[in-house]
């Protein structure tokens, strides 16, 4: 037996949004606020759409709040792209950037290992910015799996504050285009150069050239690159991998949505819940 407390202000706002649509003919519309609450309920408890409808009816029927059917809820998630809550109110000075794949179709890993893949498997790529100090996810972009990491990094870089801001990323982001934009914006880009990397001309390559010189001075081996990471703070980048691990541990490594807008809303709400529970020390 589970007992839920519904804050009076939540019930009041949902009834107010519902009252604005009463008295109209045809199929009753449902407010985006209600759809958002139900999506948070679905994601938090790992419910199917049909189970979410049943659970919501048992929770909100006592408050005279109409609940949409599971099919309406499935369609309604696409309308929430401009209503999702802000991920965090912090203003960090050090950001961590990385991407990871989330499966949308195909068999599980165990079945593929034993019997092989019987039909096409598809993935989406999720790019996140993480606060190095609080471990919160600050921004998120969902793209097809074929999207280049540097292309998305250019978009995320536009929203970063300028001076005294650091952006840490792995070797996949070692590109002249990204380094030039970071230099123009005043963001210090800390990316490890390749093992056989050569010095390049240009003010935007200064950080890269310094990294090559320092690693060579320390011996040029694996231990030297590790020491460079400690000196520059690059070793903090492991926290972005922990953020992905937390997301997949809490909500799984697969997305239940198929529409691109719905996938963005789904992953954004998962990231918001991950931050919320992190601040409550639940995860």
Protein backbone atom coordinates (compact mmCIF):
# COMPACT_ATOMS: atom_id res chain seq x y z
CA UNK A 1 0.00 0.00 0.00
CA UNK A 2 1.39 3.39 -1.03
CA UNK A 3 0.18 6.76 0.23
CA UNK A 4 0.90 9.86 -1.87
CA UNK A 5 0.72 13.48 -0.80
CA UNK A 6 -0.42 15.91 -3.49
CA UNK A 7 0.54 19.46 -2.59
CA UNK A 8 -2.56 21.71 -2.57
CA UNK A 9 -0.90 24.21 -4.91
CA UNK A 10 -0.31 21.48 -7.52
CA UNK A 11 -3.94 20.32 -7.41
CA UNK A 12 -5.13 23.93 -7.55
CA UNK A 13 -3.04 24.76 -10.63
CA UNK A 14 -4.13 21.60 -12.44
CA UNK A 15 -7.82 22.31 -11.72
CA UNK A 16 -7.36 25.91 -12.86
CA UNK A 17 -5.81 24.79 -16.14
CA UNK A 18 -8.62 22.26 -16.56
CA UNK A 19 -11.35 24.84 -15.93
CA UNK A 20 -10.12 27.02 -18.81
CA UNK A 21 -11.14 24.25 -21.24
CA UNK A 22 -14.53 23.29 -19.81
CA UNK A 23 -17.80 24.02 -21.59
CA UNK A 24 -16.36 23.41 -25.06
CA UNK A 25 -17.76 20.87 -27.47
CA UNK A 26 -15.83 17.87 -28.77
CA UNK A 27 -13.03 15.90 -27.22
CA UNK A 28 -11.90 17.48 -23.90
CA UNK A 29 -8.41 19.04 -24.18
CA UNK A 30 -5.82 18.58 -21.45
CA UNK A 31 -3.33 21.19 -20.24
CA UNK A 32 0.37 20.82 -20.95
CA UNK A 33 1.00 21.20 -17.21
CA UNK A 34 -0.99 18.04 -16.55
CA UNK A 35 0.82 16.15 -19.32
CA UNK A 36 4.16 17.25 -17.80
CA UNK A 37 3.19 16.02 -14.32
CA UNK A 38 2.07 12.67 -15.73
CA UNK A 39 5.30 12.28 -17.71
CA UNK A 40 7.33 12.88 -14.55
CA UNK A 41 5.19 10.25 -12.83
CA UNK A 42 5.73 7.78 -15.67
CA UNK A 43 9.50 8.28 -15.80
CA UNK A 44 9.97 8.24 -12.01
CA UNK A 45 8.26 4.88 -11.56
CA UNK A 46 9.17 3.31 -14.90
CA UNK A 47 5.53 2.92 -15.92
CA UNK A 48 4.04 2.13 -19.31
CA UNK A 49 1.61 4.72 -20.70
CA UNK A 50 -1.36 2.52 -19.80
CA UNK A 51 -0.07 1.95 -16.25
CA UNK A 52 0.55 5.67 -15.89
CA UNK A 53 -3.07 6.40 -16.80
CA UNK A 54 -4.32 3.98 -14.15
CA UNK A 55 -2.00 5.27 -11.45
CA UNK A 56 -2.83 8.90 -12.24
CA UNK A 57 -6.56 8.18 -12.02
CA UNK A 58 -6.12 6.73 -8.54
CA UNK A 59 -4.02 9.73 -7.45
CA UNK A 60 -5.95 12.66 -8.94
CA UNK A 61 -9.56 11.50 -9.13
CA UNK A 62 -10.10 12.65 -5.53
CA UNK A 63 -9.07 16.17 -6.59
CA UNK A 64 -11.60 16.30 -9.45
CA UNK A 65 -8.88 16.30 -12.10
CA UNK A 66 -9.60 14.53 -15.39
CA UNK A 67 -6.83 12.26 -16.64
CA UNK A 68 -6.14 11.74 -20.36
CA UNK A 69 -6.03 8.29 -21.89
CA UNK A 70 -2.67 6.62 -22.42
CA UNK A 71 -2.81 7.31 -26.18
CA UNK A 72 -3.45 11.03 -25.57
CA UNK A 73 -0.56 11.10 -23.12
CA UNK A 74 1.71 9.44 -25.70
CA UNK A 75 0.86 12.12 -28.26
CA UNK A 76 0.97 14.98 -25.75
CA UNK A 77 4.63 14.57 -24.82
CA UNK A 78 5.65 16.13 -28.15
CA UNK A 79 4.02 19.43 -27.12
CA UNK A 80 6.25 19.91 -24.07
CA UNK A 81 9.46 21.00 -25.81
CA UNK A 82 9.03 24.62 -24.63
CA UNK A 83 7.60 23.73 -21.22
CA UNK A 84 10.35 21.55 -19.75
CA UNK A 85 11.82 22.89 -16.49
CA UNK A 86 15.27 24.42 -16.35
CA UNK A 87 17.86 21.78 -15.50
CA UNK A 88 19.80 23.88 -12.99
CA UNK A 89 20.11 27.44 -11.70
CA UNK A 90 23.84 27.20 -11.03
CA UNK A 91 26.43 29.23 -12.93
CA UNK A 92 29.54 27.04 -12.96
CA UNK A 93 32.94 28.11 -14.26
CA UNK A 94 34.01 24.62 -15.37
CA UNK A 95 31.88 22.56 -17.76
CA UNK A 96 32.38 18.94 -18.81
CA UNK A 97 31.22 17.81 -22.26
CA UNK A 98 30.61 14.33 -23.65
CA UNK A 99 28.08 12.22 -25.58
CA UNK A 100 26.65 8.72 -25.27
CA UNK A 101 24.20 6.52 -27.13
CA UNK A 102 20.69 5.51 -26.06
CA UNK A 103 18.94 2.67 -27.86
CA UNK A 104 15.51 3.22 -29.42
CA UNK A 105 14.94 -0.06 -31.31
CA UNK A 106 16.53 -3.51 -31.32
CA UNK A 107 17.14 -6.47 -29.04
CA UNK A 108 18.88 -6.42 -25.68
CA UNK A 109 22.61 -6.97 -25.32
CA UNK A 110 22.26 -10.53 -23.94
CA UNK A 111 20.09 -11.73 -26.82
CA UNK A 112 22.49 -10.25 -29.37
CA UNK A 113 25.48 -11.87 -27.65
CA UNK A 114 23.90 -15.34 -27.63
CA UNK A 115 21.85 -15.40 -30.85
CA UNK A 116 23.05 -12.43 -32.83
CA UNK A 117 21.05 -9.47 -34.08
CA UNK A 118 17.96 -10.47 -36.07
CA UNK A 119 16.92 -7.01 -37.25
CA UNK A 120 18.13 -3.44 -37.36
CA UNK A 121 19.13 -1.75 -34.15
CA UNK A 122 19.04 2.04 -33.95
CA UNK A 123 20.36 4.57 -31.49
CA UNK A 124 20.21 8.25 -30.67
CA UNK A 125 23.11 10.29 -29.36
CA UNK A 126 22.74 12.41 -26.23
CA UNK A 127 25.20 15.27 -25.64
CA UNK A 128 25.39 16.79 -22.14
CA UNK A 129 27.18 19.58 -20.31
CA UNK A 130 27.94 18.82 -16.65
CA UNK A 131 28.91 21.13 -13.79
CA UNK A 132 32.29 19.91 -12.53
CA UNK A 133 31.55 21.04 -8.97
CA UNK A 134 27.97 19.86 -8.36
CA UNK A 135 27.87 17.01 -10.96
CA UNK A 136 24.55 18.38 -12.24
CA UNK A 137 23.60 18.19 -15.91
CA UNK A 138 23.45 21.79 -17.17
CA UNK A 139 22.38 21.34 -20.80
CA UNK A 140 21.36 18.51 -23.10
CA UNK A 141 20.99 17.95 -26.85
CA UNK A 142 19.55 14.88 -28.58
CA UNK A 143 20.71 14.09 -32.12
CA UNK A 144 20.81 11.13 -34.53
CA UNK A 145 23.70 8.75 -33.90
CA UNK A 146 25.45 9.99 -37.05
CA UNK A 147 25.77 13.59 -35.81
CA UNK A 148 29.38 14.75 -35.28
CA UNK A 149 30.34 15.62 -31.70
CA UNK A 150 32.10 18.85 -32.69
CA UNK A 151 28.99 20.12 -34.55
CA UNK A 152 26.90 19.83 -31.38
CA UNK A 153 29.72 21.25 -29.25
CA UNK A 154 29.62 24.40 -31.39
CA UNK A 155 25.93 24.82 -30.53
CA UNK A 156 26.45 24.22 -26.80
CA UNK A 157 29.40 26.62 -26.75
CA UNK A 158 27.16 29.53 -27.77
CA UNK A 159 25.26 29.38 -24.47
CA UNK A 160 28.34 29.25 -22.24
CA UNK A 161 29.50 32.34 -20.36
CA UNK A 162 32.70 33.85 -21.70
CA UNK A 163 35.74 34.79 -19.62
CA UNK A 164 37.03 32.52 -16.81
CA UNK A 165 35.05 29.57 -18.14
CA UNK A 166 36.64 26.19 -18.82
CA UNK A 167 35.28 23.48 -21.11
CA UNK A 168 36.73 19.99 -20.69
CA UNK A 169 36.19 17.34 -23.37
CA UNK A 170 37.92 14.23 -24.69
CA UNK A 171 40.06 13.86 -27.80
CA UNK A 172 37.05 13.62 -30.12
CA UNK A 173 36.64 17.40 -29.74
CA UNK A 174 40.20 18.24 -30.84
CA UNK A 175 39.22 20.29 -33.88
CA UNK A 176 40.41 23.65 -35.19
CA UNK A 177 36.85 24.87 -35.72
CA UNK A 178 35.87 24.31 -32.07
CA UNK A 179 39.13 25.72 -30.73
CA UNK A 180 38.74 28.87 -32.84
CA UNK A 181 35.18 29.46 -31.60
CA UNK A 182 36.21 28.85 -27.98
CA UNK A 183 39.09 31.32 -28.35
CA UNK A 184 36.78 33.93 -29.89
CA UNK A 185 34.31 33.52 -27.04
CA UNK A 186 37.00 33.56 -24.33
CA UNK A 187 36.37 29.99 -23.15
CA UNK A 188 39.42 27.93 -22.19
CA UNK A 189 39.11 24.62 -24.03
CA UNK A 190 40.97 21.76 -22.33
CA UNK A 191 41.17 18.82 -24.73
CA UNK A 192 44.04 16.29 -24.84
CA UNK A 193 46.00 16.39 -28.10
CA UNK A 194 46.56 13.11 -29.99
CA UNK A 195 49.67 11.09 -29.17
CA UNK A 196 51.33 12.10 -32.43
CA UNK A 197 49.95 15.64 -32.36
CA UNK A 198 52.08 18.43 -33.86
CA UNK A 199 52.23 22.11 -32.97
CA UNK A 200 50.03 24.36 -35.10
CA UNK A 201 50.00 28.05 -35.84
CA UNK A 202 47.35 30.44 -34.57
CA UNK A 203 46.41 32.05 -31.28
CA UNK A 204 43.47 29.65 -30.92
CA UNK A 205 45.98 26.75 -30.87
CA UNK A 206 47.99 28.12 -27.93
CA UNK A 207 46.40 25.80 -25.35
CA UNK A 208 46.92 22.80 -27.61
CA UNK A 209 50.57 23.68 -28.23
CA UNK A 210 51.18 24.13 -24.51
CA UNK A 211 49.65 20.71 -23.83
CA UNK A 212 51.90 19.08 -26.46
CA UNK A 213 54.98 20.76 -24.98
CA UNK A 214 54.10 19.86 -21.39
CA UNK A 215 53.35 16.21 -22.17
CA UNK A 216 56.62 15.93 -24.09
CA UNK A 217 58.50 17.56 -21.21
CA UNK A 218 57.02 15.06 -18.75
CA UNK A 219 58.16 12.11 -20.85
CA UNK A 220 55.52 11.78 -23.57
CA UNK A 221 54.17 8.46 -22.26
CA UNK A 222 50.89 7.42 -20.63
CA UNK A 223 52.08 8.54 -17.20
CA UNK A 224 52.95 11.95 -18.65
CA UNK A 225 49.46 12.39 -20.10
CA UNK A 226 47.96 11.37 -16.75
CA UNK A 227 50.11 13.94 -14.94
CA UNK A 228 49.09 16.58 -17.52
CA UNK A 229 45.47 15.78 -16.68
CA UNK A 230 46.10 16.41 -12.98
CA UNK A 231 47.97 19.67 -13.62
CA UNK A 232 45.31 21.11 -15.95
CA UNK A 233 42.27 19.66 -14.14
CA UNK A 234 41.36 17.45 -17.10
CA UNK A 235 40.98 14.47 -14.75
CA UNK A 236 37.68 16.03 -13.59
CA UNK A 237 36.20 15.02 -16.95
CA UNK A 238 35.46 11.58 -15.50
CA UNK A 239 32.47 13.20 -13.78
CA UNK A 240 30.60 13.53 -17.08
CA UNK A 241 30.89 9.76 -17.51
CA UNK A 242 29.49 9.37 -13.99
CA UNK A 243 26.54 11.57 -15.01
CA UNK A 244 25.78 9.26 -17.96
CA UNK A 245 26.16 6.24 -15.69
CA UNK A 246 23.69 7.79 -13.25
CA UNK A 247 21.18 8.49 -16.03
CA UNK A 248 21.33 4.93 -17.37
CA UNK A 249 21.33 3.36 -13.91
CA UNK A 250 18.20 5.28 -12.90
CA UNK A 251 16.20 5.11 -16.13
CA UNK A 252 17.84 2.50 -18.35
CA UNK A 253 19.96 2.80 -21.49
CA UNK A 254 16.99 2.87 -23.89
CA UNK A 255 14.49 5.61 -24.81
CA UNK A 256 10.80 4.70 -25.00
CA UNK A 257 9.92 7.57 -27.37
CA UNK A 258 10.20 7.36 -31.15
CA UNK A 259 9.41 10.93 -32.21
CA UNK A 260 12.46 13.29 -32.10
CA UNK A 261 10.61 15.97 -30.09
CA UNK A 262 9.34 13.35 -27.66
CA UNK A 263 12.85 11.92 -27.30
CA UNK A 264 14.18 15.35 -26.36
CA UNK A 265 11.45 15.86 -23.73
CA UNK A 266 11.97 12.35 -22.35
CA UNK A 267 15.75 12.70 -21.96
CA UNK A 268 15.44 16.26 -20.62
CA UNK A 269 12.99 15.19 -17.90
CA UNK A 270 15.22 12.25 -17.00
CA UNK A 271 18.16 14.65 -16.63
CA UNK A 272 16.03 17.02 -14.51
CA UNK A 273 14.97 14.18 -12.20
CA UNK A 274 18.57 13.00 -11.99
CA UNK A 275 19.66 16.47 -10.82
CA UNK A 276 16.73 16.73 -8.41
CA UNK A 277 17.47 13.40 -6.75
CA UNK A 278 21.19 14.16 -6.72
CA UNK A 279 20.57 17.33 -4.69
CA UNK A 280 18.42 15.31 -2.29
CA UNK A 281 21.23 12.74 -1.91
CA UNK A 282 18.97 9.98 -3.23
CA UNK A 283 21.52 8.86 -5.86
